[in-house]
Amino acid sequence: MVLIADSGSTKCDWIVYENKEKQPLRIRTKGLNPAILSKKALQKIITENSKLSKHKDKITSVCFFGAGCGTKKNQDKIKHILNAFFENSKSIVREDIMAAVWATTNEPAVVCILGTGSNCCYFDGEKTHSKIPSLGYVVMDEGSGNYFGKRLLRGYFYKKMPKELRLSFGATFNVKEKKVVDKLYKSATPNKYLAEFAKFMFENEEHPYIAKLLAKGMAKFIENHVLQYREELKTVPLHFVGSIAYHGKDVINSELSKKGLLATSFVRRPMENLIHHLREDNFHIEL
């Protein structure tokens, strides 16, 4: 059996795949980001899931794609936990951008992730190439769920958000000052907390205030990330992966058009396409 995981900071989608005749088993856990969570916290998420425990002795290969897995140190951190739990398996750990690539193309392309966080790379047909480092939610992550969450909170507390939106926002979320401060500065996953506010944005995307916020955030992502690959984009397609990208695709294409660009595809969940590639034997794990 093969186990494949696609993990962001918020959630992790797993599939247990045996063969093309059988439906893969789908499992969802909390996100496993080794850049944010301790080894103990990561182990707890995996070991306390009954479905993963049930099949752990049958798993022979594990392929883990994850946010925060861009360094060897964090890759080894996840790999050690996986190998200790799935004792009969071998595993590989790659950054989440690789899952986005394999879910969208096997040809050269520029591939972007817009979910809890954001990322962008050029895929040459074999390897990914990033022109700027991913410094996470504090410094970067333009266009992501946590990026928009920050701006919604600022708009609310600075009273820049229009009154009707502010009342709705306050009724939807617990925005008591102590609660917000605790979540931002005492929580293990503040980026996940910030991203939870993004749903409000899409529920109210027709409002001029939200529409402007959304367009500005996507324009920043395009300017700071996508246009790093302007030369490559003269000859290769552009793909977007992730829930924020999927729900914001009209705004993204509108902002891209201002730069003479157009996205080729928007994939909400990479795992669906990875399952398809498994069934078509177009996806091979090299351990």
C-alpha atoms as a PDB file:
ATOM      1  CA  MET A   1       0.000   0.000   0.000  1.00  0.00           C
ATOM      2  CA  VAL A   2       1.068   3.545  -0.773  1.00  0.00           C
ATOM      3  CA  LEU A   3       0.282   6.474   1.507  1.00  0.00           C
ATOM      4  CA  ILE A   4       0.310   9.983   0.075  1.00  0.00           C
ATOM      5  CA  ALA A   5      -0.145  13.120   2.157  1.00  0.00           C
ATOM      6  CA  ASP A   6      -0.690  16.703   1.047  1.00  0.00           C
ATOM      7  CA  SER A   7      -0.353  18.957   4.070  1.00  0.00           C
ATOM      8  CA  GLY A   8      -0.830  22.657   4.550  1.00  0.00           C
ATOM      9  CA  SER A   9      -0.696  24.413   7.886  1.00  0.00           C
ATOM     10  CA  THR A  10      -4.449  24.058   8.392  1.00  0.00           C
ATOM     11  CA  LYS A  11      -5.219  20.521   7.249  1.00  0.00           C
ATOM     12  CA  CYS A  12      -3.577  17.430   5.823  1.00  0.00           C
ATOM     13  CA  ASP A  13      -5.262  15.203   3.245  1.00  0.00           C
ATOM     14  CA  TRP A  14      -4.076  11.587   3.130  1.00  0.00           C
ATOM     15  CA  ILE A  15      -4.922   8.766   0.758  1.00  0.00           C
ATOM     16  CA  VAL A  16      -4.182   5.099   1.242  1.00  0.00           C
ATOM     17  CA  TYR A  17      -3.809   3.628  -2.245  1.00  0.00           C
ATOM     18  CA  GLU A  18      -3.622  -0.105  -2.982  1.00  0.00           C
ATOM     19  CA  ASN A  19      -4.398  -0.482  -6.684  1.00  0.00           C
ATOM     20  CA  LYS A  20      -6.532   1.031  -9.435  1.00  0.00           C
ATOM     21  CA  GLU A  21      -9.335  -1.495  -8.866  1.00  0.00           C
ATOM     22  CA  LYS A  22      -9.940  -0.302  -5.313  1.00  0.00           C
ATOM     23  CA  GLN A  23     -11.167   3.073  -4.197  1.00  0.00           C
ATOM     24  CA  PRO A  24      -8.455   4.882  -2.217  1.00  0.00           C
ATOM     25  CA  LEU A  25      -9.144   5.498   1.445  1.00  0.00           C
ATOM     26  CA  ARG A  26      -9.314   9.211   2.235  1.00  0.00           C
ATOM     27  CA  ILE A  27      -8.216  10.544   5.600  1.00  0.00           C
ATOM     28  CA  ARG A  28      -8.035  14.102   6.897  1.00  0.00           C
ATOM     29  CA  THR A  29      -6.054  15.322   9.894  1.00  0.00           C
ATOM     30  CA  LYS A  30      -4.854  18.656  11.170  1.00  0.00           C
ATOM     31  CA  GLY A  31      -2.014  20.179   9.181  1.00  0.00           C
ATOM     32  CA  LEU A  32       1.538  19.051   9.896  1.00  0.00           C
ATOM     33  CA  ASN A  33       3.868  21.979   9.360  1.00  0.00           C
ATOM     34  CA  PRO A  34       7.301  21.173  10.842  1.00  0.00           C
ATOM     35  CA  ALA A  35       8.310  24.822  10.708  1.00  0.00           C
ATOM     36  CA  ILE A  36       5.589  25.658  13.251  1.00  0.00           C
ATOM     37  CA  LEU A  37       4.762  22.506  15.228  1.00  0.00           C
ATOM     38  CA  SER A  38       7.012  20.620  17.626  1.00  0.00           C
ATOM     39  CA  LYS A  39       7.995  17.011  17.037  1.00  0.00           C
ATOM     40  CA  LYS A  40       5.660  15.972  19.861  1.00  0.00           C
ATOM     41  CA  ALA A  41       2.713  17.843  18.325  1.00  0.00           C
ATOM     42  CA  LEU A  42       3.380  16.321  14.904  1.00  0.00           C
ATOM     43  CA  GLN A  43       3.584  12.811  16.359  1.00  0.00           C
ATOM     44  CA  LYS A  44       0.323  13.302  18.238  1.00  0.00           C
ATOM     45  CA  ILE A  45      -1.601  14.254  15.090  1.00  0.00           C
ATOM     46  CA  ILE A  46      -0.468  11.092  13.320  1.00  0.00           C
ATOM     47  CA  THR A  47      -0.547   8.546  16.133  1.00  0.00           C
ATOM     48  CA  GLU A  48      -3.966   9.558  17.444  1.00  0.00           C
ATOM     49  CA  ASN A  49      -5.706   9.065  14.095  1.00  0.00           C
ATOM     50  CA  SER A  50      -7.464   5.690  14.197  1.00  0.00           C
ATOM     51  CA  LYS A  51      -7.580   5.231  10.406  1.00  0.00           C
ATOM     52  CA  LEU A  52      -3.862   5.794   9.977  1.00  0.00           C
ATOM     53  CA  SER A  53      -3.186   3.450  12.905  1.00  0.00           C
ATOM     54  CA  LYS A  54      -5.395   0.740  11.407  1.00  0.00           C
ATOM     55  CA  HIS A  55      -3.379   0.573   8.179  1.00  0.00           C
ATOM     56  CA  LYS A  56       0.077   1.514   9.428  1.00  0.00           C
ATOM     57  CA  ASP A  57       1.571  -1.986   9.204  1.00  0.00           C
ATOM     58  CA  LYS A  58       0.380  -2.430   5.603  1.00  0.00           C
ATOM     59  CA  ILE A  59       1.952   0.765   4.294  1.00  0.00           C
ATOM     60  CA  THR A  60       5.131   0.154   2.281  1.00  0.00           C
ATOM     61  CA  SER A  61       5.710   3.622   0.788  1.00  0.00           C
ATOM     62  CA  VAL A  62       4.924   7.087   2.109  1.00  0.00           C
ATOM     63  CA  CYS A  63       5.120  10.269   0.056  1.00  0.00           C
ATOM     64  CA  PHE A  64       4.569  13.397   2.138  1.00  0.00           C
ATOM     65  CA  PHE A  65       4.157  16.839   0.570  1.00  0.00           C
ATOM     66  CA  GLY A  66       4.033  19.588   3.160  1.00  0.00           C
ATOM     67  CA  ALA A  67       4.122  23.273   3.915  1.00  0.00           C
ATOM     68  CA  GLY A  68       7.268  24.064   5.868  1.00  0.00           C
ATOM     69  CA  CYS A  69       9.175  21.185   4.253  1.00  0.00           C
ATOM     70  CA  GLY A  70      11.465  23.312   2.122  1.00  0.00           C
ATOM     71  CA  THR A  71      14.578  22.637   4.219  1.00  0.00           C
ATOM     72  CA  LYS A  72      16.428  19.379   4.836  1.00  0.00           C
ATOM     73  CA  LYS A  73      16.084  19.865   8.592  1.00  0.00           C
ATOM     74  CA  ASN A  74      12.285  19.997   8.422  1.00  0.00           C
ATOM     75  CA  GLN A  75      12.126  17.214   5.845  1.00  0.00           C
ATOM     76  CA  ASP A  76      14.167  14.982   8.161  1.00  0.00           C
ATOM     77  CA  LYS A  77      11.931  15.934  11.099  1.00  0.00           C
ATOM     78  CA  ILE A  78       8.816  14.678   9.284  1.00  0.00           C
ATOM     79  CA  LYS A  79      10.611  11.688   7.768  1.00  0.00           C
ATOM     80  CA  HIS A  80      11.789  10.468  11.172  1.00  0.00           C
ATOM     81  CA  ILE A  81       8.241  10.613  12.547  1.00  0.00           C
ATOM     82  CA  LEU A  82       6.800   8.815   9.516  1.00  0.00           C
ATOM     83  CA  ASN A  83       9.413   6.056   9.561  1.00  0.00           C
ATOM     84  CA  ALA A  84       8.919   5.493  13.286  1.00  0.00           C
ATOM     85  CA  PHE A  85       5.139   5.141  12.936  1.00  0.00           C
ATOM     86  CA  PHE A  86       4.932   3.290   9.596  1.00  0.00           C
ATOM     87  CA  GLU A  87       7.578   0.742  10.538  1.00  0.00           C
ATOM     88  CA  ASN A  88       7.352  -1.322   7.334  1.00  0.00           C
ATOM     89  CA  SER A  89       7.650   1.597   4.952  1.00  0.00           C
ATOM     90  CA  LYS A  90      10.147   3.876   3.317  1.00  0.00           C
ATOM     91  CA  SER A  91       9.269   7.522   2.947  1.00  0.00           C
ATOM     92  CA  ILE A  92      10.131  10.675   1.066  1.00  0.00           C
ATOM     93  CA  VAL A  93       9.240  14.203   2.149  1.00  0.00           C
ATOM     94  CA  ARG A  94       8.939  17.136  -0.241  1.00  0.00           C
ATOM     95  CA  GLU A  95       7.725  20.716  -0.024  1.00  0.00           C
ATOM     96  CA  ASP A  96       4.007  21.224  -0.765  1.00  0.00           C
ATOM     97  CA  ILE A  97       4.815  23.031  -4.015  1.00  0.00           C
ATOM     98  CA  MET A  98       5.828  19.659  -5.507  1.00  0.00           C
ATOM     99  CA  ALA A  99       2.340  18.264  -4.918  1.00  0.00           C
ATOM    100  CA  ALA A 100       0.945  21.356  -6.628  1.00  0.00           C
ATOM    101  CA  VAL A 101       3.221  20.719  -9.602  1.00  0.00           C
ATOM    102  CA  TRP A 102       2.318  17.044  -9.951  1.00  0.00           C
ATOM    103  CA  ALA A 103      -1.366  17.898  -9.582  1.00  0.00           C
ATOM    104  CA  THR A 104      -1.287  20.335 -12.481  1.00  0.00           C
ATOM    105  CA  THR A 105       1.371  19.371 -14.999  1.00  0.00           C
ATOM    106  CA  ASN A 106       4.209  17.103 -16.090  1.00  0.00           C
ATOM    107  CA  GLU A 107       5.485  19.745 -18.516  1.00  0.00           C
ATOM    108  CA  PRO A 108       7.413  22.963 -17.781  1.00  0.00           C
ATOM    109  CA  ALA A 109       5.184  25.554 -16.092  1.00  0.00           C
ATOM    110  CA  VAL A 110       4.960  28.199 -13.395  1.00  0.00           C
ATOM    111  CA  VAL A 111       2.935  26.857 -10.475  1.00  0.00           C
ATOM    112  CA  CYS A 112       1.480  28.847  -7.574  1.00  0.00           C
ATOM    113  CA  ILE A 113      -0.069  27.909  -4.232  1.00  0.00           C
ATOM    114  CA  LEU A 114      -2.604  30.160  -2.529  1.00  0.00           C
ATOM    115  CA  GLY A 115      -3.980  28.495   0.586  1.00  0.00           C
ATOM    116  CA  THR A 116      -3.243  29.201   4.235  1.00  0.00           C
ATOM    117  CA  GLY A 117       0.134  30.417   2.923  1.00  0.00           C
ATOM    118  CA  SER A 118       1.418  31.192  -0.564  1.00  0.00           C
ATOM    119  CA  ASN A 119       4.260  30.064  -2.789  1.00  0.00           C
ATOM    120  CA  CYS A 120       5.362  30.088  -6.421  1.00  0.00           C
ATOM    121  CA  CYS A 121       7.936  28.195  -8.489  1.00  0.00           C
ATOM    122  CA  TYR A 122       9.084  27.323 -11.981  1.00  0.00           C
ATOM    123  CA  PHE A 123       8.970  23.627 -12.905  1.00  0.00           C
ATOM    124  CA  ASP A 124      11.391  22.686 -15.698  1.00  0.00           C
ATOM    125  CA  GLY A 125       9.811  19.289 -16.316  1.00  0.00           C
ATOM    126  CA  GLU A 126      11.937  17.553 -13.698  1.00  0.00           C
ATOM    127  CA  LYS A 127      12.774  19.930 -10.846  1.00  0.00           C
ATOM    128  CA  THR A 128      11.305  23.031  -9.232  1.00  0.00           C
ATOM    129  CA  HIS A 129      13.169  26.328  -9.091  1.00  0.00           C
ATOM    130  CA  SER A 130      12.301  29.183  -6.714  1.00  0.00           C
ATOM    131  CA  LYS A 131      13.695  32.644  -7.338  1.00  0.00           C
ATOM    132  CA  ILE A 132      12.824  33.995  -3.898  1.00  0.00           C
ATOM    133  CA  PRO A 133      12.739  32.247  -0.512  1.00  0.00           C
ATOM    134  CA  SER A 134       9.471  31.545   1.263  1.00  0.00           C
ATOM    135  CA  LEU A 135       9.723  33.441   4.557  1.00  0.00           C
ATOM    136  CA  GLY A 136       6.239  32.588   5.763  1.00  0.00           C
ATOM    137  CA  TYR A 137       3.277  34.433   7.159  1.00  0.00           C
ATOM    138  CA  VAL A 138       5.138  37.115   9.135  1.00  0.00           C
ATOM    139  CA  VAL A 139       7.053  38.604   6.192  1.00  0.00           C
ATOM    140  CA  MET A 140       5.555  37.253   2.960  1.00  0.00           C
ATOM    141  CA  ASP A 141       2.571  35.058   2.005  1.00  0.00           C
ATOM    142  CA  GLU A 142       0.859  37.723  -0.108  1.00  0.00           C
ATOM    143  CA  GLY A 143      -2.528  36.613  -1.417  1.00  0.00           C
ATOM    144  CA  SER A 144      -2.855  33.808   1.119  1.00  0.00           C
ATOM    145  CA  GLY A 145      -5.527  33.097   3.699  1.00  0.00           C
ATOM    146  CA  ASN A 146      -3.394  34.413   6.541  1.00  0.00           C
ATOM    147  CA  TYR A 147      -2.494  37.531   4.521  1.00  0.00           C
ATOM    148  CA  PHE A 148      -6.161  38.414   4.073  1.00  0.00           C
ATOM    149  CA  GLY A 149      -6.946  37.440   7.669  1.00  0.00           C
ATOM    150  CA  LYS A 150      -4.453  40.031   8.918  1.00  0.00           C
ATOM    151  CA  ARG A 151      -6.010  42.735   6.807  1.00  0.00           C
ATOM    152  CA  LEU A 152      -9.532  41.903   7.877  1.00  0.00           C
ATOM    153  CA  LEU A 153      -8.510  42.067  11.534  1.00  0.00           C
ATOM    154  CA  ARG A 154      -6.741  45.380  10.980  1.00  0.00           C
ATOM    155  CA  GLY A 155      -9.754  46.765   9.176  1.00  0.00           C
ATOM    156  CA  TYR A 156     -12.003  45.691  12.027  1.00  0.00           C
ATOM    157  CA  PHE A 157      -9.904  47.011  14.917  1.00  0.00           C
ATOM    158  CA  TYR A 158      -8.827  50.231  13.163  1.00  0.00           C
ATOM    159  CA  LYS A 159     -12.509  50.775  12.292  1.00  0.00           C
ATOM    160  CA  LYS A 160     -11.667  51.106   8.611  1.00  0.00           C
ATOM    161  CA  MET A 161     -14.128  48.340   7.751  1.00  0.00           C
ATOM    162  CA  PRO A 162     -17.568  49.728   6.772  1.00  0.00           C
ATOM    163  CA  LYS A 163     -20.091  49.595   9.614  1.00  0.00           C
ATOM    164  CA  GLU A 164     -22.324  46.902   8.108  1.00  0.00           C
ATOM    165  CA  LEU A 165     -19.342  44.636   7.452  1.00  0.00           C
ATOM    166  CA  ARG A 166     -17.878  45.360  10.870  1.00  0.00           C
ATOM    167  CA  LEU A 167     -21.108  44.327  12.590  1.00  0.00           C
ATOM    168  CA  SER A 168     -21.270  41.132  10.527  1.00  0.00           C
ATOM    169  CA  PHE A 169     -17.590  40.347  11.157  1.00  0.00           C
ATOM    170  CA  GLY A 170     -18.023  40.841  14.902  1.00  0.00           C
ATOM    171  CA  ALA A 171     -21.096  38.613  14.933  1.00  0.00           C
ATOM    172  CA  THR A 172     -19.348  35.868  12.939  1.00  0.00           C
ATOM    173  CA  PHE A 173     -16.097  35.642  14.912  1.00  0.00           C
ATOM    174  CA  ASN A 174     -14.999  35.968  18.507  1.00  0.00           C
ATOM    175  CA  VAL A 175     -12.969  39.165  18.199  1.00  0.00           C
ATOM    176  CA  LYS A 176     -12.599  40.025  21.854  1.00  0.00           C
ATOM    177  CA  GLU A 177      -9.184  41.563  22.268  1.00  0.00           C
ATOM    178  CA  LYS A 178      -7.832  38.951  24.707  1.00  0.00           C
ATOM    179  CA  LYS A 179      -9.015  36.095  22.484  1.00  0.00           C
ATOM    180  CA  VAL A 180      -7.344  37.576  19.410  1.00  0.00           C
ATOM    181  CA  VAL A 181      -4.087  38.329  21.215  1.00  0.00           C
ATOM    182  CA  ASP A 182      -3.934  34.822  22.693  1.00  0.00           C
ATOM    183  CA  LYS A 183      -4.526  33.245  19.291  1.00  0.00           C
ATOM    184  CA  LEU A 184      -1.926  35.417  17.601  1.00  0.00           C
ATOM    185  CA  TYR A 185       0.837  35.235  20.207  1.00  0.00           C
ATOM    186  CA  LYS A 186       0.209  32.147  22.327  1.00  0.00           C
ATOM    187  CA  SER A 187      -1.127  29.701  19.736  1.00  0.00           C
ATOM    188  CA  ALA A 188       1.151  27.187  17.999  1.00  0.00           C
ATOM    189  CA  THR A 189      -0.475  27.988  14.651  1.00  0.00           C
ATOM    190  CA  PRO A 190      -1.235  31.726  14.343  1.00  0.00           C
ATOM    191  CA  ASN A 191      -1.117  31.505  10.544  1.00  0.00           C
ATOM    192  CA  LYS A 192      -3.930  28.930  10.637  1.00  0.00           C
ATOM    193  CA  TYR A 193      -5.952  31.182  12.940  1.00  0.00           C
ATOM    194  CA  LEU A 194      -5.519  34.161  10.618  1.00  0.00           C
ATOM    195  CA  ALA A 195      -6.550  32.099   7.579  1.00  0.00           C
ATOM    196  CA  GLU A 196      -9.863  31.217   9.212  1.00  0.00           C
ATOM    197  CA  PHE A 197     -11.063  34.781   8.574  1.00  0.00           C
ATOM    198  CA  ALA A 198     -10.658  34.390   4.805  1.00  0.00           C
ATOM    199  CA  LYS A 199     -14.039  32.682   4.440  1.00  0.00           C
ATOM    200  CA  PHE A 200     -15.688  35.969   5.469  1.00  0.00           C
ATOM    201  CA  MET A 201     -13.963  37.650   2.562  1.00  0.00           C
ATOM    202  CA  PHE A 202     -15.422  35.294  -0.027  1.00  0.00           C
ATOM    203  CA  GLU A 203     -18.864  35.392   1.590  1.00  0.00           C
ATOM    204  CA  ASN A 204     -18.809  39.155   1.083  1.00  0.00           C
ATOM    205  CA  GLU A 205     -16.664  39.497  -2.031  1.00  0.00           C
ATOM    206  CA  GLU A 206     -19.259  41.638  -3.832  1.00  0.00           C
ATOM    207  CA  HIS A 207     -18.890  44.410  -1.257  1.00  0.00           C
ATOM    208  CA  PRO A 208     -16.628  47.197  -2.613  1.00  0.00           C
ATOM    209  CA  TYR A 209     -14.438  47.154   0.501  1.00  0.00           C
ATOM    210  CA  ILE A 210     -13.798  43.415   0.214  1.00  0.00           C
ATOM    211  CA  ALA A 211     -13.450  43.531  -3.571  1.00  0.00           C
ATOM    212  CA  LYS A 212     -10.722  46.171  -3.228  1.00  0.00           C
ATOM    213  CA  LEU A 213      -8.976  44.185  -0.485  1.00  0.00           C
ATOM    214  CA  LEU A 214      -9.042  41.011  -2.556  1.00  0.00           C
ATOM    215  CA  ALA A 215      -7.814  42.689  -5.740  1.00  0.00           C
ATOM    216  CA  LYS A 216      -4.985  44.444  -3.909  1.00  0.00           C
ATOM    217  CA  GLY A 217      -3.805  41.231  -2.264  1.00  0.00           C
ATOM    218  CA  MET A 218      -3.819  39.272  -5.519  1.00  0.00           C
ATOM    219  CA  ALA A 219      -2.028  42.108  -7.302  1.00  0.00           C
ATOM    220  CA  LYS A 220       0.697  42.000  -4.637  1.00  0.00           C
ATOM    221  CA  PHE A 221       1.113  38.244  -5.085  1.00  0.00           C
ATOM    222  CA  ILE A 222       1.382  38.638  -8.846  1.00  0.00           C
ATOM    223  CA  GLU A 223       3.848  41.523  -8.580  1.00  0.00           C
ATOM    224  CA  ASN A 224       6.079  39.963  -5.926  1.00  0.00           C
ATOM    225  CA  HIS A 225       5.910  36.316  -6.945  1.00  0.00           C
ATOM    226  CA  VAL A 226       4.450  35.535 -10.369  1.00  0.00           C
ATOM    227  CA  LEU A 227       6.342  38.281 -12.214  1.00  0.00           C
ATOM    228  CA  GLN A 228       9.620  36.871 -10.940  1.00  0.00           C
ATOM    229  CA  TYR A 229       9.028  34.375 -13.747  1.00  0.00           C
ATOM    230  CA  ARG A 230       8.052  36.816 -16.498  1.00  0.00           C
ATOM    231  CA  GLU A 231      10.628  35.372 -18.903  1.00  0.00           C
ATOM    232  CA  GLU A 232       9.520  31.787 -18.311  1.00  0.00           C
ATOM    233  CA  LEU A 233       5.864  32.799 -18.732  1.00  0.00           C
ATOM    234  CA  LYS A 234       6.569  33.858 -22.299  1.00  0.00           C
ATOM    235  CA  THR A 235       6.702  30.159 -23.205  1.00  0.00           C
ATOM    236  CA  VAL A 236       5.074  28.122 -20.405  1.00  0.00           C
ATOM    237  CA  PRO A 237       1.588  28.035 -18.795  1.00  0.00           C
ATOM    238  CA  LEU A 238       0.616  29.315 -15.354  1.00  0.00           C
ATOM    239  CA  HIS A 239      -1.245  27.142 -12.820  1.00  0.00           C
ATOM    240  CA  PHE A 240      -2.813  27.921  -9.438  1.00  0.00           C
ATOM    241  CA  VAL A 241      -3.522  25.495  -6.603  1.00  0.00           C
ATOM    242  CA  GLY A 242      -5.299  25.926  -3.267  1.00  0.00           C
ATOM    243  CA  SER A 243      -8.618  27.027  -1.802  1.00  0.00           C
ATOM    244  CA  ILE A 244      -7.869  30.769  -1.881  1.00  0.00           C
ATOM    245  CA  ALA A 245      -6.776  30.525  -5.514  1.00  0.00           C
ATOM    246  CA  TYR A 246      -9.859  28.495  -6.436  1.00  0.00           C
ATOM    247  CA  HIS A 247     -12.346  30.847  -4.801  1.00  0.00           C
ATOM    248  CA  GLY A 248     -10.493  33.940  -5.983  1.00  0.00           C
ATOM    249  CA  LYS A 249      -9.871  32.821  -9.566  1.00  0.00           C
ATOM    250  CA  ASP A 250     -11.928  35.586 -11.194  1.00  0.00           C
ATOM    251  CA  VAL A 251     -10.025  38.275  -9.311  1.00  0.00           C
ATOM    252  CA  ILE A 252      -6.707  36.573 -10.022  1.00  0.00           C
ATOM    253  CA  ASN A 253      -7.379  36.437 -13.766  1.00  0.00           C
ATOM    254  CA  SER A 254      -8.560  40.038 -13.720  1.00  0.00           C
ATOM    255  CA  GLU A 255      -5.302  41.137 -12.088  1.00  0.00           C
ATOM    256  CA  LEU A 256      -3.239  38.853 -14.335  1.00  0.00           C
ATOM    257  CA  SER A 257      -4.847  40.365 -17.444  1.00  0.00           C
ATOM    258  CA  LYS A 258      -3.447  43.758 -16.442  1.00  0.00           C
ATOM    259  CA  LYS A 259       0.001  42.207 -16.862  1.00  0.00           C
ATOM    260  CA  GLY A 260      -0.886  40.448 -20.119  1.00  0.00           C
ATOM    261  CA  LEU A 261      -1.163  37.049 -18.419  1.00  0.00           C
ATOM    262  CA  LEU A 262      -3.844  34.398 -17.971  1.00  0.00           C
ATOM    263  CA  ALA A 263      -3.953  31.352 -15.717  1.00  0.00           C
ATOM    264  CA  THR A 264      -4.324  27.988 -17.441  1.00  0.00           C
ATOM    265  CA  SER A 265      -5.892  26.119 -14.526  1.00  0.00           C
ATOM    266  CA  PHE A 266      -7.130  26.401 -10.951  1.00  0.00           C
ATOM    267  CA  VAL A 267      -7.037  23.281  -8.773  1.00  0.00           C
ATOM    268  CA  ARG A 268      -8.728  23.466  -5.397  1.00  0.00           C
ATOM    269  CA  ARG A 269      -7.342  20.251  -3.905  1.00  0.00           C
ATOM    270  CA  PRO A 270      -4.152  18.712  -5.374  1.00  0.00           C
ATOM    271  CA  MET A 271      -5.016  15.303  -3.938  1.00  0.00           C
ATOM    272  CA  GLU A 272      -7.869  14.765  -6.413  1.00  0.00           C
ATOM    273  CA  ASN A 273      -5.492  15.073  -9.340  1.00  0.00           C
ATOM    274  CA  LEU A 274      -2.814  12.964  -7.648  1.00  0.00           C
ATOM    275  CA  ILE A 275      -5.357  10.156  -7.269  1.00  0.00           C
ATOM    276  CA  HIS A 276      -6.142  10.417 -10.984  1.00  0.00           C
ATOM    277  CA  HIS A 277      -2.449  10.178 -11.866  1.00  0.00           C
ATOM    278  CA  LEU A 278      -2.086   7.117  -9.631  1.00  0.00           C
ATOM    279  CA  ARG A 279      -4.963   5.402 -11.407  1.00  0.00           C
ATOM    280  CA  GLU A 280      -3.453   6.245 -14.803  1.00  0.00           C
ATOM    281  CA  ASP A 281       0.005   5.093 -13.669  1.00  0.00           C
ATOM    282  CA  ASN A 282       1.374   8.566 -14.377  1.00  0.00           C
ATOM    283  CA  PHE A 283       2.638   9.072 -10.847  1.00  0.00           C
ATOM    284  CA  HIS A 284       5.594   7.115  -9.527  1.00  0.00           C
ATOM    285  CA  ILE A 285       7.213   7.485  -6.131  1.00  0.00           C
ATOM    286  CA  GLU A 286      10.989   7.223  -6.311  1.00  0.00           C
ATOM    287  CA  LEU A 287      12.250   6.289  -2.866  1.00  0.00           C
END
